[in-house]
Amino acid sequence: MRVTADAEAPARDQSAGLEMVPPKLKHTVGQLTTGELTRERSRLEAALRRPFSQDVRALLRGRLDAVLAEQDERNRKRQADTAAAKAALAAESAEQAARAVREAGG
């Protein structure tokens, strides 16, 4: 019995679809640079717009969630570091102003 081209099409579509899945990263998400994280996020978001099975979509969604969590964590740290630097500068500025007042009055 000969298999028709129509019967082979779904199998070809599935194997071709798996080739379209972005490869797993060589490093953990925490080891990626900011640019690498951004590119990985774009690749995963683009892949999720393709017609994959629910299992593949769940895998891609999990990888995207990890990238988003890392980006959020880095953003929180950056904001905390910026706030700490601003507070240190404000304290230093106030100290310099107080010193200037003492020197002018002394």
N, C-alpha and C. Protein backbone atom coordinates (compact mmCIF):
# COMPACT_ATOMS: atom_id res chain seq x y z
N MET A 1 0.85 -1.17 0.00
CA MET A 1 0.00 0.00 0.00
C MET A 1 0.90 1.23 0.00
N ARG A 2 0.59 2.18 -0.84
CA ARG A 2 1.40 3.38 -1.00
C ARG A 2 0.80 4.52 -0.17
N VAL A 3 1.68 5.25 0.51
CA VAL A 3 1.24 6.39 1.30
C VAL A 3 1.18 7.59 0.37
N THR A 4 0.07 8.30 0.43
CA THR A 4 -0.10 9.45 -0.47
C THR A 4 0.61 10.67 0.09
N ALA A 5 0.81 11.64 -0.76
CA ALA A 5 1.47 12.88 -0.35
C ALA A 5 0.62 13.60 0.70
N ASP A 6 -0.70 13.49 0.60
CA ASP A 6 -1.57 14.15 1.58
C ASP A 6 -1.41 13.55 2.97
N ALA A 7 -1.19 12.26 3.04
CA ALA A 7 -1.03 11.60 4.34
C ALA A 7 0.32 11.96 4.97
N GLU A 8 1.32 12.24 4.15
CA GLU A 8 2.64 12.58 4.66
C GLU A 8 2.72 14.04 5.10
N ALA A 9 1.83 14.88 4.61
CA ALA A 9 1.89 16.31 4.88
C ALA A 9 1.85 16.66 6.36
N PRO A 10 0.95 16.08 7.17
CA PRO A 10 0.95 16.44 8.59
C PRO A 10 2.27 16.10 9.28
N ALA A 11 2.85 14.95 8.94
CA ALA A 11 4.11 14.57 9.56
C ALA A 11 5.21 15.55 9.18
N ARG A 12 5.24 15.97 7.93
CA ARG A 12 6.23 16.96 7.49
C ARG A 12 6.00 18.29 8.19
N ASP A 13 4.74 18.68 8.33
CA ASP A 13 4.43 19.96 8.98
C ASP A 13 4.90 19.96 10.43
N GLN A 14 4.70 18.84 11.12
CA GLN A 14 5.11 18.78 12.52
C GLN A 14 6.63 18.82 12.65
N SER A 15 7.34 18.06 11.82
CA SER A 15 8.80 18.07 11.92
C SER A 15 9.36 19.42 11.49
N ALA A 16 8.77 20.03 10.49
CA ALA A 16 9.22 21.36 10.07
C ALA A 16 8.90 22.38 11.15
N GLY A 17 7.78 22.20 11.84
CA GLY A 17 7.40 23.12 12.90
C GLY A 17 8.36 23.07 14.07
N LEU A 18 8.84 21.87 14.39
CA LEU A 18 9.78 21.75 15.50
C LEU A 18 11.11 22.42 15.17
N GLU A 19 11.47 22.48 13.91
CA GLU A 19 12.69 23.18 13.51
C GLU A 19 12.55 24.67 13.73
N MET A 20 11.31 25.17 13.76
CA MET A 20 11.07 26.59 13.94
C MET A 20 11.12 27.00 15.41
N VAL A 21 11.17 26.02 16.32
CA VAL A 21 11.25 26.32 17.75
C VAL A 21 12.65 26.87 18.02
N PRO A 22 12.75 28.02 18.69
CA PRO A 22 14.08 28.55 19.02
C PRO A 22 14.86 27.55 19.86
N PRO A 23 16.14 27.37 19.56
CA PRO A 23 16.93 26.42 20.35
C PRO A 23 17.07 26.87 21.79
N LYS A 24 17.27 25.90 22.66
CA LYS A 24 17.46 26.21 24.08
C LYS A 24 18.80 26.93 24.23
N LEU A 25 18.85 27.85 25.16
CA LEU A 25 20.05 28.65 25.38
C LEU A 25 21.20 27.79 25.91
N LYS A 26 22.42 28.20 25.58
CA LYS A 26 23.60 27.49 26.08
C LYS A 26 23.89 27.84 27.53
N HIS A 27 23.45 29.02 27.95
CA HIS A 27 23.70 29.49 29.31
C HIS A 27 22.36 29.68 30.02
N THR A 28 22.43 29.77 31.34
CA THR A 28 21.20 30.05 32.08
C THR A 28 20.77 31.48 31.82
N VAL A 29 19.53 31.76 32.05
CA VAL A 29 18.97 33.09 31.79
C VAL A 29 19.72 34.16 32.58
N GLY A 30 20.12 33.85 33.80
CA GLY A 30 20.82 34.81 34.64
C GLY A 30 22.21 35.17 34.13
N GLN A 31 22.76 34.35 33.25
CA GLN A 31 24.10 34.61 32.72
C GLN A 31 24.08 35.43 31.44
N LEU A 32 22.91 35.71 30.91
CA LEU A 32 22.81 36.44 29.65
C LEU A 32 23.00 37.94 29.85
N THR A 33 23.53 38.58 28.82
CA THR A 33 23.62 40.04 28.86
C THR A 33 22.23 40.61 28.64
N THR A 34 22.09 41.90 28.87
CA THR A 34 20.80 42.55 28.67
C THR A 34 20.36 42.42 27.21
N GLY A 35 21.29 42.61 26.29
CA GLY A 35 20.97 42.48 24.86
C GLY A 35 20.55 41.07 24.49
N GLU A 36 21.24 40.07 25.05
CA GLU A 36 20.88 38.68 24.78
C GLU A 36 19.49 38.37 25.33
N LEU A 37 19.18 38.90 26.51
CA LEU A 37 17.83 38.70 27.07
C LEU A 37 16.77 39.30 26.17
N THR A 38 17.03 40.50 25.66
CA THR A 38 16.07 41.17 24.79
C THR A 38 15.86 40.36 23.51
N ARG A 39 16.95 39.88 22.92
CA ARG A 39 16.82 39.06 21.69
C ARG A 39 16.08 37.76 21.97
N GLU A 40 16.38 37.12 23.09
CA GLU A 40 15.69 35.87 23.44
C GLU A 40 14.20 36.11 23.65
N ARG A 41 13.86 37.21 24.30
CA ARG A 41 12.46 37.55 24.51
C ARG A 41 11.75 37.72 23.17
N SER A 42 12.38 38.43 22.25
CA SER A 42 11.78 38.65 20.92
C SER A 42 11.61 37.33 20.17
N ARG A 43 12.62 36.48 20.24
CA ARG A 43 12.54 35.18 19.54
C ARG A 43 11.40 34.33 20.11
N LEU A 44 11.28 34.31 21.42
CA LEU A 44 10.24 33.49 22.05
C LEU A 44 8.85 34.05 21.79
N GLU A 45 8.71 35.38 21.83
CA GLU A 45 7.40 35.98 21.53
C GLU A 45 7.01 35.71 20.09
N ALA A 46 7.97 35.77 19.17
CA ALA A 46 7.68 35.46 17.76
C ALA A 46 7.31 33.99 17.60
N ALA A 47 8.01 33.12 18.31
CA ALA A 47 7.71 31.69 18.21
C ALA A 47 6.32 31.38 18.75
N LEU A 48 5.89 32.09 19.79
CA LEU A 48 4.56 31.84 20.35
C LEU A 48 3.44 32.29 19.42
N ARG A 49 3.76 33.08 18.43
CA ARG A 49 2.74 33.48 17.44
C ARG A 49 2.57 32.43 16.35
N ARG A 50 3.44 31.42 16.34
CA ARG A 50 3.35 30.35 15.34
C ARG A 50 2.43 29.24 15.84
N PRO A 51 1.90 28.45 14.93
CA PRO A 51 0.97 27.38 15.34
C PRO A 51 1.69 26.12 15.82
N PHE A 52 2.03 26.08 17.10
CA PHE A 52 2.65 24.91 17.70
C PHE A 52 1.63 24.16 18.54
N SER A 53 1.97 22.92 18.88
CA SER A 53 1.10 22.14 19.77
C SER A 53 1.12 22.78 21.16
N GLN A 54 0.17 22.39 21.98
CA GLN A 54 0.07 22.95 23.33
C GLN A 54 1.31 22.63 24.17
N ASP A 55 1.89 21.45 23.96
CA ASP A 55 3.09 21.08 24.71
C ASP A 55 4.26 22.01 24.38
N VAL A 56 4.44 22.26 23.09
CA VAL A 56 5.53 23.14 22.65
C VAL A 56 5.27 24.56 23.12
N ARG A 57 4.02 24.99 23.03
CA ARG A 57 3.67 26.34 23.48
C ARG A 57 3.93 26.50 24.99
N ALA A 58 3.62 25.46 25.76
CA ALA A 58 3.87 25.51 27.20
C ALA A 58 5.37 25.60 27.49
N LEU A 59 6.17 24.87 26.74
CA LEU A 59 7.62 24.94 26.89
C LEU A 59 8.13 26.34 26.56
N LEU A 60 7.67 26.89 25.43
CA LEU A 60 8.08 28.23 25.03
C LEU A 60 7.61 29.28 26.04
N ARG A 61 6.40 29.12 26.53
CA ARG A 61 5.86 30.07 27.52
C ARG A 61 6.69 30.04 28.81
N GLY A 62 7.09 28.84 29.23
CA GLY A 62 7.94 28.72 30.41
C GLY A 62 9.28 29.41 30.22
N ARG A 63 9.87 29.23 29.05
CA ARG A 63 11.14 29.90 28.76
C ARG A 63 10.95 31.41 28.72
N LEU A 64 9.85 31.87 28.13
CA LEU A 64 9.58 33.31 28.07
C LEU A 64 9.34 33.86 29.47
N ASP A 65 8.63 33.12 30.30
CA ASP A 65 8.39 33.57 31.68
C ASP A 65 9.70 33.74 32.44
N ALA A 66 10.65 32.83 32.22
CA ALA A 66 11.95 32.93 32.88
C ALA A 66 12.71 34.18 32.41
N VAL A 67 12.64 34.47 31.12
CA VAL A 67 13.30 35.66 30.57
C VAL A 67 12.65 36.92 31.13
N LEU A 68 11.32 36.95 31.16
CA LEU A 68 10.61 38.12 31.69
C LEU A 68 10.91 38.33 33.17
N ALA A 69 10.98 37.25 33.93
CA ALA A 69 11.29 37.35 35.36
C ALA A 69 12.70 37.91 35.56
N GLU A 70 13.65 37.48 34.75
CA GLU A 70 15.03 37.98 34.85
C GLU A 70 15.08 39.46 34.48
N GLN A 71 14.36 39.84 33.43
CA GLN A 71 14.33 41.26 33.05
C GLN A 71 13.70 42.11 34.15
N ASP A 72 12.62 41.62 34.75
CA ASP A 72 11.97 42.35 35.84
C ASP A 72 12.89 42.49 37.05
N GLU A 73 13.59 41.41 37.38
CA GLU A 73 14.50 41.44 38.52
C GLU A 73 15.64 42.44 38.28
N ARG A 74 16.18 42.44 37.08
CA ARG A 74 17.26 43.39 36.76
C ARG A 74 16.74 44.82 36.80
N ASN A 75 15.53 45.02 36.35
CA ASN A 75 14.94 46.36 36.38
C ASN A 75 14.74 46.83 37.83
N ARG A 76 14.25 45.94 38.69
CA ARG A 76 14.08 46.28 40.12
C ARG A 76 15.43 46.63 40.75
N LYS A 77 16.45 45.82 40.46
CA LYS A 77 17.78 46.09 41.02
C LYS A 77 18.31 47.43 40.51
N ARG A 78 18.12 47.69 39.22
CA ARG A 78 18.59 48.95 38.64
C ARG A 78 17.90 50.14 39.29
N GLN A 79 16.59 50.04 39.51
CA GLN A 79 15.86 51.12 40.16
C GLN A 79 16.31 51.30 41.61
N ALA A 80 16.54 50.20 42.31
CA ALA A 80 17.02 50.29 43.70
C ALA A 80 18.41 50.91 43.75
N ASP A 81 19.28 50.51 42.83
CA ASP A 81 20.63 51.08 42.79
C ASP A 81 20.59 52.57 42.46
N THR A 82 19.71 52.96 41.56
CA THR A 82 19.57 54.37 41.19
C THR A 82 19.06 55.18 42.38
N ALA A 83 18.08 54.65 43.08
CA ALA A 83 17.54 55.35 44.26
C ALA A 83 18.61 55.48 45.34
N ALA A 84 19.39 54.43 45.55
CA ALA A 84 20.46 54.47 46.55
C ALA A 84 21.52 55.49 46.16
N ALA A 85 21.86 55.55 44.88
CA ALA A 85 22.87 56.51 44.41
C ALA A 85 22.35 57.94 44.57
N LYS A 86 21.09 58.16 44.26
CA LYS A 86 20.50 59.50 44.44
C LYS A 86 20.49 59.90 45.90
N ALA A 87 20.16 58.97 46.78
CA ALA A 87 20.14 59.27 48.22
C ALA A 87 21.55 59.59 48.71
N ALA A 88 22.53 58.85 48.24
CA ALA A 88 23.92 59.11 48.64
C ALA A 88 24.38 60.47 48.14
N LEU A 89 24.01 60.82 46.92
CA LEU A 89 24.38 62.14 46.38
C LEU A 89 23.69 63.26 47.15
N ALA A 90 22.43 63.05 47.51
CA ALA A 90 21.71 64.07 48.28
C ALA A 90 22.34 64.25 49.65
N ALA A 91 22.73 63.16 50.29
CA ALA A 91 23.37 63.24 51.60
C ALA A 91 24.72 63.95 51.49
N GLU A 92 25.47 63.62 50.45
CA GLU A 92 26.77 64.26 50.24
C GLU A 92 26.60 65.75 49.97
N SER A 93 25.60 66.09 49.19
CA SER A 93 25.33 67.50 48.88
C SER A 93 24.93 68.26 50.14
N ALA A 94 24.09 67.66 50.98
CA ALA A 94 23.68 68.30 52.23
C ALA A 94 24.87 68.47 53.16
N GLU A 95 25.75 67.48 53.18
CA GLU A 95 26.95 67.57 54.01
C GLU A 95 27.87 68.69 53.53
N GLN A 96 28.02 68.82 52.21
CA GLN A 96 28.86 69.89 51.66
C GLN A 96 28.25 71.26 51.96
N ALA A 97 26.93 71.36 51.87
CA ALA A 97 26.26 72.63 52.17
C ALA A 97 26.45 72.98 53.63
N ALA A 98 26.32 72.02 54.53
CA ALA A 98 26.50 72.26 55.96
C ALA A 98 27.94 72.67 56.24
N ARG A 99 28.89 72.03 55.59
CA ARG A 99 30.29 72.38 55.76
C ARG A 99 30.55 73.81 55.28
N ALA A 100 29.96 74.18 54.16
CA ALA A 100 30.14 75.52 53.62
C ALA A 100 29.58 76.58 54.57
N VAL A 101 28.43 76.28 55.20
CA VAL A 101 27.84 77.20 56.16
C VAL A 101 28.74 77.35 57.38
N ARG A 102 29.27 76.23 57.88
CA ARG A 102 30.18 76.29 59.04
C ARG A 102 31.44 77.09 58.73
N GLU A 103 32.00 76.86 57.53
CA GLU A 103 33.23 77.57 57.14
C GLU A 103 32.97 79.06 56.94
N ALA A 104 31.81 79.40 56.42
CA ALA A 104 31.47 80.81 56.20
C ALA A 104 31.22 81.52 57.53
N GLY A 105 30.65 80.84 58.49
CA GLY A 105 30.34 81.44 59.78
C GLY A 105 31.51 81.39 60.74
N GLY A 106 32.49 80.54 60.49
CA GLY A 106 33.56 80.31 61.43
C GLY A 106 34.69 81.19 61.33
